[in-house]
Amino acid sequence: MSARMRGLVLAAALVFLYLPMLLLIIYSFNESRLVTVWSGWSVKWYGELLRDQQMIGAIWMSLRIAFLAATAALVLGVLAGVALTRVGAFRGKALLGTMITAPLVIPEVITGLSLLLLFVALGQLIGWPAQRGMLTIWIAHVTFCTAYVTLIVAGRLSEFDHSIEEAAMDLGATPLRTFFQVTLPVISPALIAAWLLAFTLSLDDLVIASFVTGPGASTLPIVVFSSVRLGVSPKINALATILIVVVMAGVLTSLWLMRRYRRRQQLI
């Protein structure tokens, strides 16, 4: 394939991926209530979005759940990754690896239904949880996010240069101190990537959250899905535009920081 053909294929792929987003951003400034009819430029739907208390409440709840779920999944994922890569053979190691990666291949409907049955059974047996809400959503998100974090951490630890840790322990550092002051800083890029992935998965989840949620605990995907079922509102376009801008700003900032770091490394 010639260079010109590769360029055309790449351009076609980019247009296919990003043209719908561009149209969505444009129609978020549409004055008409009908999202398919253009009637002029306006920013009133952004104001309507900010005045929508249900939507704002769902955004804050989703952000809190995603932050807490990603943090808990990171802690559990690091422990599981260390157990799978650093601990020698022990009884149940294969079963542990299988159970950790199971949420990756099990359909979300099955995961959500099984967690719902679990919470219902616990509520009947011990009275906890008394009702489903933010706590049950957090537990469910930690369950499947831990699997992704474990794979990333285990993959990074399997490629780790053990001579660095051995040098630290030769200088008098304990294994625990070596892990926190040597191992974790070295694999910190993988930890950040795992946390961000878990945060994104939790923020984007709809299927599992719809099973384990209860009255008064609606995440952003649930609210958006409920709104779209009744007809796409221009407020959804405004919300999607804000999310796209925030994500793009984060990506561009990370690229700028990476280039700045590489330039400093070259100067050193």
C-alpha atoms as a PDB file:
ATOM      1  CA  MET A   1       0.000   0.000   0.000  1.00  0.00           C
ATOM      2  CA  SER A   2       1.431   3.353  -1.028  1.00  0.00           C
ATOM      3  CA  ALA A   3       1.962   6.233   1.364  1.00  0.00           C
ATOM      4  CA  ARG A   4      -0.841   8.206  -0.302  1.00  0.00           C
ATOM      5  CA  MET A   5      -3.283   5.329   0.099  1.00  0.00           C
ATOM      6  CA  ARG A   6      -2.326   4.911   3.754  1.00  0.00           C
ATOM      7  CA  GLY A   7      -2.944   8.606   4.279  1.00  0.00           C
ATOM      8  CA  LEU A   8      -6.381   8.374   2.663  1.00  0.00           C
ATOM      9  CA  VAL A   9      -7.320   5.364   4.785  1.00  0.00           C
ATOM     10  CA  LEU A  10      -6.153   7.150   7.934  1.00  0.00           C
ATOM     11  CA  ALA A  11      -8.093  10.291   7.002  1.00  0.00           C
ATOM     12  CA  ALA A  12     -11.236   8.260   6.308  1.00  0.00           C
ATOM     13  CA  ALA A  13     -10.905   6.504   9.670  1.00  0.00           C
ATOM     14  CA  LEU A  14     -10.468   9.807  11.510  1.00  0.00           C
ATOM     15  CA  VAL A  15     -13.490  11.311   9.755  1.00  0.00           C
ATOM     16  CA  PHE A  16     -15.558   8.230  10.599  1.00  0.00           C
ATOM     17  CA  LEU A  17     -14.569   8.454  14.272  1.00  0.00           C
ATOM     18  CA  TYR A  18     -14.669  12.193  14.900  1.00  0.00           C
ATOM     19  CA  LEU A  19     -17.255  13.602  12.487  1.00  0.00           C
ATOM     20  CA  PRO A  20     -20.177  12.465  14.702  1.00  0.00           C
ATOM     21  CA  MET A  21     -18.534  14.171  17.688  1.00  0.00           C
ATOM     22  CA  LEU A  22     -18.089  17.358  15.674  1.00  0.00           C
ATOM     23  CA  LEU A  23     -21.744  17.322  14.653  1.00  0.00           C
ATOM     24  CA  LEU A  24     -22.758  16.728  18.252  1.00  0.00           C
ATOM     25  CA  ILE A  25     -20.725  19.732  19.387  1.00  0.00           C
ATOM     26  CA  ILE A  26     -22.270  21.917  16.692  1.00  0.00           C
ATOM     27  CA  TYR A  27     -25.821  20.856  17.536  1.00  0.00           C
ATOM     28  CA  SER A  28     -25.210  21.528  21.217  1.00  0.00           C
ATOM     29  CA  PHE A  29     -25.388  25.209  20.232  1.00  0.00           C
ATOM     30  CA  ASN A  30     -28.663  24.730  18.372  1.00  0.00           C
ATOM     31  CA  GLU A  31     -31.475  27.002  19.525  1.00  0.00           C
ATOM     32  CA  SER A  32     -34.227  24.559  18.575  1.00  0.00           C
ATOM     33  CA  ARG A  33     -35.566  21.999  21.002  1.00  0.00           C
ATOM     34  CA  LEU A  34     -35.517  19.470  18.173  1.00  0.00           C
ATOM     35  CA  VAL A  35     -31.990  18.106  17.875  1.00  0.00           C
ATOM     36  CA  THR A  36     -32.411  17.317  14.158  1.00  0.00           C
ATOM     37  CA  VAL A  37     -33.663  20.781  13.145  1.00  0.00           C
ATOM     38  CA  TRP A  38     -31.202  23.666  13.042  1.00  0.00           C
ATOM     39  CA  SER A  39     -32.719  27.058  13.946  1.00  0.00           C
ATOM     40  CA  GLY A  40     -29.730  29.188  14.879  1.00  0.00           C
ATOM     41  CA  TRP A  41     -26.888  29.511  17.345  1.00  0.00           C
ATOM     42  CA  SER A  42     -27.579  29.605  21.053  1.00  0.00           C
ATOM     43  CA  VAL A  43     -25.999  28.596  24.368  1.00  0.00           C
ATOM     44  CA  LYS A  44     -29.268  28.346  26.284  1.00  0.00           C
ATOM     45  CA  TRP A  45     -29.052  24.563  26.577  1.00  0.00           C
ATOM     46  CA  TYR A  46     -25.857  24.889  28.581  1.00  0.00           C
ATOM     47  CA  GLY A  47     -27.759  27.073  31.006  1.00  0.00           C
ATOM     48  CA  GLU A  48     -30.590  24.546  31.100  1.00  0.00           C
ATOM     49  CA  LEU A  49     -28.063  21.829  31.853  1.00  0.00           C
ATOM     50  CA  LEU A  50     -26.595  23.761  34.784  1.00  0.00           C
ATOM     51  CA  ARG A  51     -30.107  24.289  36.175  1.00  0.00           C
ATOM     52  CA  ASP A  52     -30.984  20.597  35.916  1.00  0.00           C
ATOM     53  CA  GLN A  53     -30.484  19.438  39.501  1.00  0.00           C
ATOM     54  CA  GLN A  54     -31.044  15.766  38.638  1.00  0.00           C
ATOM     55  CA  MET A  55     -28.313  15.829  36.018  1.00  0.00           C
ATOM     56  CA  ILE A  56     -25.877  17.741  38.232  1.00  0.00           C
ATOM     57  CA  GLY A  57     -26.534  15.380  41.126  1.00  0.00           C
ATOM     58  CA  ALA A  58     -25.960  12.363  38.872  1.00  0.00           C
ATOM     59  CA  ILE A  59     -22.671  13.851  37.655  1.00  0.00           C
ATOM     60  CA  TRP A  60     -21.347  14.357  41.188  1.00  0.00           C
ATOM     61  CA  MET A  61     -22.474  10.905  42.272  1.00  0.00           C
ATOM     62  CA  SER A  62     -20.790   9.286  39.261  1.00  0.00           C
ATOM     63  CA  LEU A  63     -17.570  11.194  39.935  1.00  0.00           C
ATOM     64  CA  ARG A  64     -17.535  10.188  43.613  1.00  0.00           C
ATOM     65  CA  ILE A  65     -18.231   6.546  42.847  1.00  0.00           C
ATOM     66  CA  ALA A  66     -15.638   6.472  40.055  1.00  0.00           C
ATOM     67  CA  PHE A  67     -12.957   8.063  42.265  1.00  0.00           C
ATOM     68  CA  LEU A  68     -13.595   5.742  45.213  1.00  0.00           C
ATOM     69  CA  ALA A  69     -13.947   2.656  43.024  1.00  0.00           C
ATOM     70  CA  ALA A  70     -10.749   3.392  41.092  1.00  0.00           C
ATOM     71  CA  THR A  71      -8.809   3.989  44.309  1.00  0.00           C
ATOM     72  CA  ALA A  72     -10.055   0.790  45.968  1.00  0.00           C
ATOM     73  CA  ALA A  73      -9.504  -1.215  42.770  1.00  0.00           C
ATOM     74  CA  LEU A  74      -5.949   0.110  42.562  1.00  0.00           C
ATOM     75  CA  VAL A  75      -5.137  -1.066  46.096  1.00  0.00           C
ATOM     76  CA  LEU A  76      -6.683  -4.492  45.544  1.00  0.00           C
ATOM     77  CA  GLY A  77      -5.168  -4.767  42.067  1.00  0.00           C
ATOM     78  CA  VAL A  78      -1.667  -4.053  43.352  1.00  0.00           C
ATOM     79  CA  LEU A  79      -2.046  -6.709  46.050  1.00  0.00           C
ATOM     80  CA  ALA A  80      -3.394  -9.230  43.542  1.00  0.00           C
ATOM     81  CA  GLY A  81      -0.697  -8.380  41.008  1.00  0.00           C
ATOM     82  CA  VAL A  82       2.027  -8.898  43.601  1.00  0.00           C
ATOM     83  CA  ALA A  83       0.480 -12.211  44.632  1.00  0.00           C
ATOM     84  CA  LEU A  84       0.373 -13.457  41.051  1.00  0.00           C
ATOM     85  CA  THR A  85       3.873 -12.334  40.008  1.00  0.00           C
ATOM     86  CA  ARG A  86       6.038 -12.125  43.113  1.00  0.00           C
ATOM     87  CA  VAL A  87       4.757 -14.877  45.380  1.00  0.00           C
ATOM     88  CA  GLY A  88       5.927 -18.347  44.483  1.00  0.00           C
ATOM     89  CA  ALA A  89       3.678 -21.267  43.737  1.00  0.00           C
ATOM     90  CA  PHE A  90       0.963 -21.747  46.340  1.00  0.00           C
ATOM     91  CA  ARG A  91      -2.230 -23.722  46.531  1.00  0.00           C
ATOM     92  CA  GLY A  92      -5.010 -21.901  44.749  1.00  0.00           C
ATOM     93  CA  LYS A  93      -2.802 -19.565  42.694  1.00  0.00           C
ATOM     94  CA  ALA A  94      -4.298 -20.719  39.405  1.00  0.00           C
ATOM     95  CA  LEU A  95      -7.793 -20.392  40.854  1.00  0.00           C
ATOM     96  CA  LEU A  96      -6.978 -16.887  42.107  1.00  0.00           C
ATOM     97  CA  GLY A  97      -5.807 -15.809  38.653  1.00  0.00           C
ATOM     98  CA  THR A  98      -8.912 -17.287  37.044  1.00  0.00           C
ATOM     99  CA  MET A  99     -11.285 -15.626  39.501  1.00  0.00           C
ATOM    100  CA  ILE A 100      -9.592 -12.245  39.120  1.00  0.00           C
ATOM    101  CA  THR A 101      -9.788 -12.278  35.317  1.00  0.00           C
ATOM    102  CA  ALA A 102     -13.320 -13.748  35.231  1.00  0.00           C
ATOM    103  CA  PRO A 103     -15.086 -10.330  35.210  1.00  0.00           C
ATOM    104  CA  LEU A 104     -13.255  -9.547  31.960  1.00  0.00           C
ATOM    105  CA  VAL A 105     -14.977 -12.327  30.025  1.00  0.00           C
ATOM    106  CA  ILE A 106     -18.303 -12.654  31.866  1.00  0.00           C
ATOM    107  CA  PRO A 107     -21.044 -10.531  30.253  1.00  0.00           C
ATOM    108  CA  GLU A 108     -21.970  -7.452  32.259  1.00  0.00           C
ATOM    109  CA  VAL A 109     -25.590  -8.585  32.449  1.00  0.00           C
ATOM    110  CA  ILE A 110     -24.523 -11.759  34.259  1.00  0.00           C
ATOM    111  CA  THR A 111     -22.237  -9.800  36.589  1.00  0.00           C
ATOM    112  CA  GLY A 112     -24.953  -7.292  37.427  1.00  0.00           C
ATOM    113  CA  LEU A 113     -27.590  -9.955  37.992  1.00  0.00           C
ATOM    114  CA  SER A 114     -25.295 -12.045  40.215  1.00  0.00           C
ATOM    115  CA  LEU A 115     -24.403  -9.007  42.332  1.00  0.00           C
ATOM    116  CA  LEU A 116     -28.077  -8.101  42.631  1.00  0.00           C
ATOM    117  CA  LEU A 117     -28.906 -11.592  43.892  1.00  0.00           C
ATOM    118  CA  LEU A 118     -25.965 -11.389  46.305  1.00  0.00           C
ATOM    119  CA  PHE A 119     -27.134  -8.085  47.805  1.00  0.00           C
ATOM    120  CA  VAL A 120     -30.707  -9.346  48.086  1.00  0.00           C
ATOM    121  CA  ALA A 121     -29.540 -12.526  49.839  1.00  0.00           C
ATOM    122  CA  LEU A 122     -27.305 -10.589  52.233  1.00  0.00           C
ATOM    123  CA  GLY A 123     -30.143  -8.227  53.010  1.00  0.00           C
ATOM    124  CA  GLN A 124     -32.401 -11.131  53.939  1.00  0.00           C
ATOM    125  CA  LEU A 125     -29.763 -12.962  55.979  1.00  0.00           C
ATOM    126  CA  ILE A 126     -27.969 -10.228  57.922  1.00  0.00           C
ATOM    127  CA  GLY A 127     -29.960  -7.113  57.070  1.00  0.00           C
ATOM    128  CA  TRP A 128     -27.133  -5.522  55.078  1.00  0.00           C
ATOM    129  CA  PRO A 129     -27.334  -3.725  52.778  1.00  0.00           C
ATOM    130  CA  ALA A 130     -30.662  -2.350  53.948  1.00  0.00           C
ATOM    131  CA  GLN A 131     -31.185  -0.765  50.545  1.00  0.00           C
ATOM    132  CA  ARG A 132     -29.303  -0.517  47.301  1.00  0.00           C
ATOM    133  CA  GLY A 133     -27.639   2.760  46.444  1.00  0.00           C
ATOM    134  CA  MET A 134     -24.252   4.411  46.190  1.00  0.00           C
ATOM    135  CA  LEU A 135     -22.549   1.794  48.387  1.00  0.00           C
ATOM    136  CA  THR A 136     -23.737  -1.182  46.351  1.00  0.00           C
ATOM    137  CA  ILE A 137     -22.773   0.549  43.099  1.00  0.00           C
ATOM    138  CA  TRP A 138     -19.308   1.211  44.529  1.00  0.00           C
ATOM    139  CA  ILE A 139     -18.881  -2.432  45.545  1.00  0.00           C
ATOM    140  CA  ALA A 140     -19.982  -3.610  42.101  1.00  0.00           C
ATOM    141  CA  HIS A 141     -17.609  -1.236  40.320  1.00  0.00           C
ATOM    142  CA  VAL A 142     -14.690  -2.263  42.523  1.00  0.00           C
ATOM    143  CA  THR A 143     -15.441  -5.884  41.635  1.00  0.00           C
ATOM    144  CA  PHE A 144     -14.911  -5.548  37.886  1.00  0.00           C
ATOM    145  CA  CYS A 145     -12.410  -2.673  37.931  1.00  0.00           C
ATOM    146  CA  THR A 146     -10.017  -4.718  40.073  1.00  0.00           C
ATOM    147  CA  ALA A 147      -9.654  -7.219  37.237  1.00  0.00           C
ATOM    148  CA  TYR A 148      -8.400  -4.563  34.807  1.00  0.00           C
ATOM    149  CA  VAL A 149      -6.047  -3.041  37.363  1.00  0.00           C
ATOM    150  CA  THR A 150      -4.611  -6.453  38.241  1.00  0.00           C
ATOM    151  CA  LEU A 151      -3.786  -7.260  34.631  1.00  0.00           C
ATOM    152  CA  ILE A 152      -1.988  -3.935  34.135  1.00  0.00           C
ATOM    153  CA  VAL A 153      -0.034  -4.145  37.399  1.00  0.00           C
ATOM    154  CA  ALA A 154       0.839  -7.818  36.942  1.00  0.00           C
ATOM    155  CA  GLY A 155       2.063  -7.154  33.400  1.00  0.00           C
ATOM    156  CA  ARG A 156       4.283  -4.323  34.595  1.00  0.00           C
ATOM    157  CA  LEU A 157       5.658  -6.301  37.552  1.00  0.00           C
ATOM    158  CA  SER A 158       6.480  -9.263  35.324  1.00  0.00           C
ATOM    159  CA  GLU A 159       8.818  -7.000  33.306  1.00  0.00           C
ATOM    160  CA  PHE A 160      10.348  -5.341  36.371  1.00  0.00           C
ATOM    161  CA  ASP A 161      14.130  -5.395  36.769  1.00  0.00           C
ATOM    162  CA  HIS A 162      14.643  -7.204  40.078  1.00  0.00           C
ATOM    163  CA  SER A 163      18.256  -6.068  40.295  1.00  0.00           C
ATOM    164  CA  ILE A 164      17.030  -2.632  41.404  1.00  0.00           C
ATOM    165  CA  GLU A 165      15.241  -4.139  44.373  1.00  0.00           C
ATOM    166  CA  GLU A 166      18.198  -6.376  45.177  1.00  0.00           C
ATOM    167  CA  ALA A 167      20.499  -3.352  45.174  1.00  0.00           C
ATOM    168  CA  ALA A 168      18.183  -1.515  47.573  1.00  0.00           C
ATOM    169  CA  MET A 169      18.065  -4.471  49.960  1.00  0.00           C
ATOM    170  CA  ASP A 170      21.841  -4.872  49.765  1.00  0.00           C
ATOM    171  CA  LEU A 171      22.083  -1.297  51.006  1.00  0.00           C
ATOM    172  CA  GLY A 172      20.011  -2.161  54.064  1.00  0.00           C
ATOM    173  CA  ALA A 173      16.427  -1.534  53.000  1.00  0.00           C
ATOM    174  CA  THR A 174      13.783  -3.949  54.237  1.00  0.00           C
ATOM    175  CA  PRO A 175      11.559  -5.717  51.671  1.00  0.00           C
ATOM    176  CA  LEU A 176       8.579  -3.590  52.682  1.00  0.00           C
ATOM    177  CA  ARG A 177      10.548  -0.350  52.429  1.00  0.00           C
ATOM    178  CA  THR A 178      11.982  -1.469  49.099  1.00  0.00           C
ATOM    179  CA  PHE A 179       8.491  -2.084  47.769  1.00  0.00           C
ATOM    180  CA  PHE A 180       7.163   1.342  48.773  1.00  0.00           C
ATOM    181  CA  GLN A 181      10.265   3.410  47.963  1.00  0.00           C
ATOM    182  CA  VAL A 182      11.640   1.557  44.929  1.00  0.00           C
ATOM    183  CA  THR A 183       9.077  -0.714  43.294  1.00  0.00           C
ATOM    184  CA  LEU A 184       6.010   1.515  43.457  1.00  0.00           C
ATOM    185  CA  PRO A 185       7.776   4.663  42.140  1.00  0.00           C
ATOM    186  CA  VAL A 186       9.216   2.695  39.210  1.00  0.00           C
ATOM    187  CA  ILE A 187       5.853   1.227  38.215  1.00  0.00           C
ATOM    188  CA  SER A 188       3.970   4.470  38.964  1.00  0.00           C
ATOM    189  CA  PRO A 189       3.132   5.115  35.258  1.00  0.00           C
ATOM    190  CA  ALA A 190       1.359   1.745  35.150  1.00  0.00           C
ATOM    191  CA  LEU A 191      -0.438   2.570  38.408  1.00  0.00           C
ATOM    192  CA  ILE A 192      -1.632   5.899  37.025  1.00  0.00           C
ATOM    193  CA  ALA A 193      -2.798   4.243  33.797  1.00  0.00           C
ATOM    194  CA  ALA A 194      -4.623   1.537  35.766  1.00  0.00           C
ATOM    195  CA  TRP A 195      -6.326   4.110  37.993  1.00  0.00           C
ATOM    196  CA  LEU A 196      -7.434   6.189  35.023  1.00  0.00           C
ATOM    197  CA  LEU A 197      -8.769   3.109  33.238  1.00  0.00           C
ATOM    198  CA  ALA A 198     -10.714   2.034  36.333  1.00  0.00           C
ATOM    199  CA  PHE A 199     -12.055   5.572  36.765  1.00  0.00           C
ATOM    200  CA  THR A 200     -13.230   5.654  33.151  1.00  0.00           C
ATOM    201  CA  LEU A 201     -14.841   2.214  33.317  1.00  0.00           C
ATOM    202  CA  SER A 202     -16.697   3.109  36.495  1.00  0.00           C
ATOM    203  CA  LEU A 203     -17.829   6.465  35.139  1.00  0.00           C
ATOM    204  CA  ASP A 204     -19.072   4.858  31.919  1.00  0.00           C
ATOM    205  CA  ASP A 205     -20.818   1.819  33.394  1.00  0.00           C
ATOM    206  CA  LEU A 206     -24.542   1.513  32.789  1.00  0.00           C
ATOM    207  CA  VAL A 207     -25.485  -2.174  32.770  1.00  0.00           C
ATOM    208  CA  ILE A 208     -24.079  -3.255  36.137  1.00  0.00           C
ATOM    209  CA  ALA A 209     -25.086  -0.027  37.890  1.00  0.00           C
ATOM    210  CA  SER A 210     -28.685  -0.397  36.662  1.00  0.00           C
ATOM    211  CA  PHE A 211     -28.907  -3.767  38.467  1.00  0.00           C
ATOM    212  CA  VAL A 212     -27.435  -2.738  41.820  1.00  0.00           C
ATOM    213  CA  THR A 213     -28.800   0.781  42.162  1.00  0.00           C
ATOM    214  CA  GLY A 214     -31.882   1.847  44.063  1.00  0.00           C
ATOM    215  CA  PRO A 215     -34.222   4.820  44.468  1.00  0.00           C
ATOM    216  CA  GLY A 216     -32.395   8.120  44.758  1.00  0.00           C
ATOM    217  CA  ALA A 217     -29.063   6.739  43.525  1.00  0.00           C
ATOM    218  CA  SER A 218     -28.847   7.348  39.789  1.00  0.00           C
ATOM    219  CA  THR A 219     -25.482   7.639  38.072  1.00  0.00           C
ATOM    220  CA  LEU A 220     -24.915   9.816  35.028  1.00  0.00           C
ATOM    221  CA  PRO A 221     -25.195   6.977  32.448  1.00  0.00           C
ATOM    222  CA  ILE A 222     -28.515   5.885  33.982  1.00  0.00           C
ATOM    223  CA  VAL A 223     -29.929   9.407  33.865  1.00  0.00           C
ATOM    224  CA  VAL A 224     -28.730   9.941  30.294  1.00  0.00           C
ATOM    225  CA  PHE A 225     -30.115   6.600  29.153  1.00  0.00           C
ATOM    226  CA  SER A 226     -33.475   7.348  30.781  1.00  0.00           C
ATOM    227  CA  SER A 227     -33.571  10.754  29.096  1.00  0.00           C
ATOM    228  CA  VAL A 228     -32.684   9.370  25.667  1.00  0.00           C
ATOM    229  CA  ARG A 229     -35.472   6.783  25.876  1.00  0.00           C
ATOM    230  CA  LEU A 230     -37.961   9.661  26.013  1.00  0.00           C
ATOM    231  CA  GLY A 231     -36.247  11.531  23.175  1.00  0.00           C
ATOM    232  CA  VAL A 232     -32.845  13.125  22.829  1.00  0.00           C
ATOM    233  CA  SER A 233     -32.761  16.451  24.641  1.00  0.00           C
ATOM    234  CA  PRO A 234     -30.398  19.251  23.554  1.00  0.00           C
ATOM    235  CA  LYS A 235     -29.131  19.213  27.148  1.00  0.00           C
ATOM    236  CA  ILE A 236     -27.595  15.797  26.433  1.00  0.00           C
ATOM    237  CA  ASN A 237     -25.684  17.339  23.525  1.00  0.00           C
ATOM    238  CA  ALA A 238     -24.418  20.087  25.809  1.00  0.00           C
ATOM    239  CA  LEU A 239     -23.363  17.546  28.437  1.00  0.00           C
ATOM    240  CA  ALA A 240     -21.585  15.394  25.858  1.00  0.00           C
ATOM    241  CA  THR A 241     -19.775  18.459  24.513  1.00  0.00           C
ATOM    242  CA  ILE A 242     -18.512  19.369  27.985  1.00  0.00           C
ATOM    243  CA  LEU A 243     -17.275  15.815  28.529  1.00  0.00           C
ATOM    244  CA  ILE A 244     -15.496  15.790  25.156  1.00  0.00           C
ATOM    245  CA  VAL A 245     -13.801  19.116  25.899  1.00  0.00           C
ATOM    246  CA  VAL A 246     -12.688  17.932  29.366  1.00  0.00           C
ATOM    247  CA  VAL A 247     -11.293  14.678  27.975  1.00  0.00           C
ATOM    248  CA  MET A 248      -9.480  16.399  25.121  1.00  0.00           C
ATOM    249  CA  ALA A 249      -8.018  18.948  27.520  1.00  0.00           C
ATOM    250  CA  GLY A 250      -6.743  16.119  29.708  1.00  0.00           C
ATOM    251  CA  VAL A 251      -5.224  14.289  26.739  1.00  0.00           C
ATOM    252  CA  LEU A 252      -3.508  17.405  25.397  1.00  0.00           C
ATOM    253  CA  THR A 253      -2.201  18.276  28.858  1.00  0.00           C
ATOM    254  CA  SER A 254      -0.769  14.787  29.324  1.00  0.00           C
ATOM    255  CA  LEU A 255       0.904  14.924  25.901  1.00  0.00           C
ATOM    256  CA  TRP A 256       2.426  18.302  26.732  1.00  0.00           C
ATOM    257  CA  LEU A 257       3.734  17.020  30.060  1.00  0.00           C
ATOM    258  CA  MET A 258       5.206  13.918  28.401  1.00  0.00           C
ATOM    259  CA  ARG A 259       7.019  15.993  25.772  1.00  0.00           C
ATOM    260  CA  ARG A 260       8.299  18.356  28.431  1.00  0.00           C
ATOM    261  CA  TYR A 261       9.573  15.423  30.493  1.00  0.00           C
ATOM    262  CA  ARG A 262      11.324  13.884  27.469  1.00  0.00           C
ATOM    263  CA  ARG A 263      13.021  17.188  26.639  1.00  0.00           C
ATOM    264  CA  ARG A 264      14.316  17.465  30.193  1.00  0.00           C
ATOM    265  CA  GLN A 265      15.622  13.911  30.015  1.00  0.00           C
ATOM    266  CA  GLN A 266      17.441  14.690  26.771  1.00  0.00           C
ATOM    267  CA  LEU A 267      19.037  17.777  28.303  1.00  0.00           C
ATOM    268  CA  ILE A 268      20.248  15.740  31.261  1.00  0.00           C
END
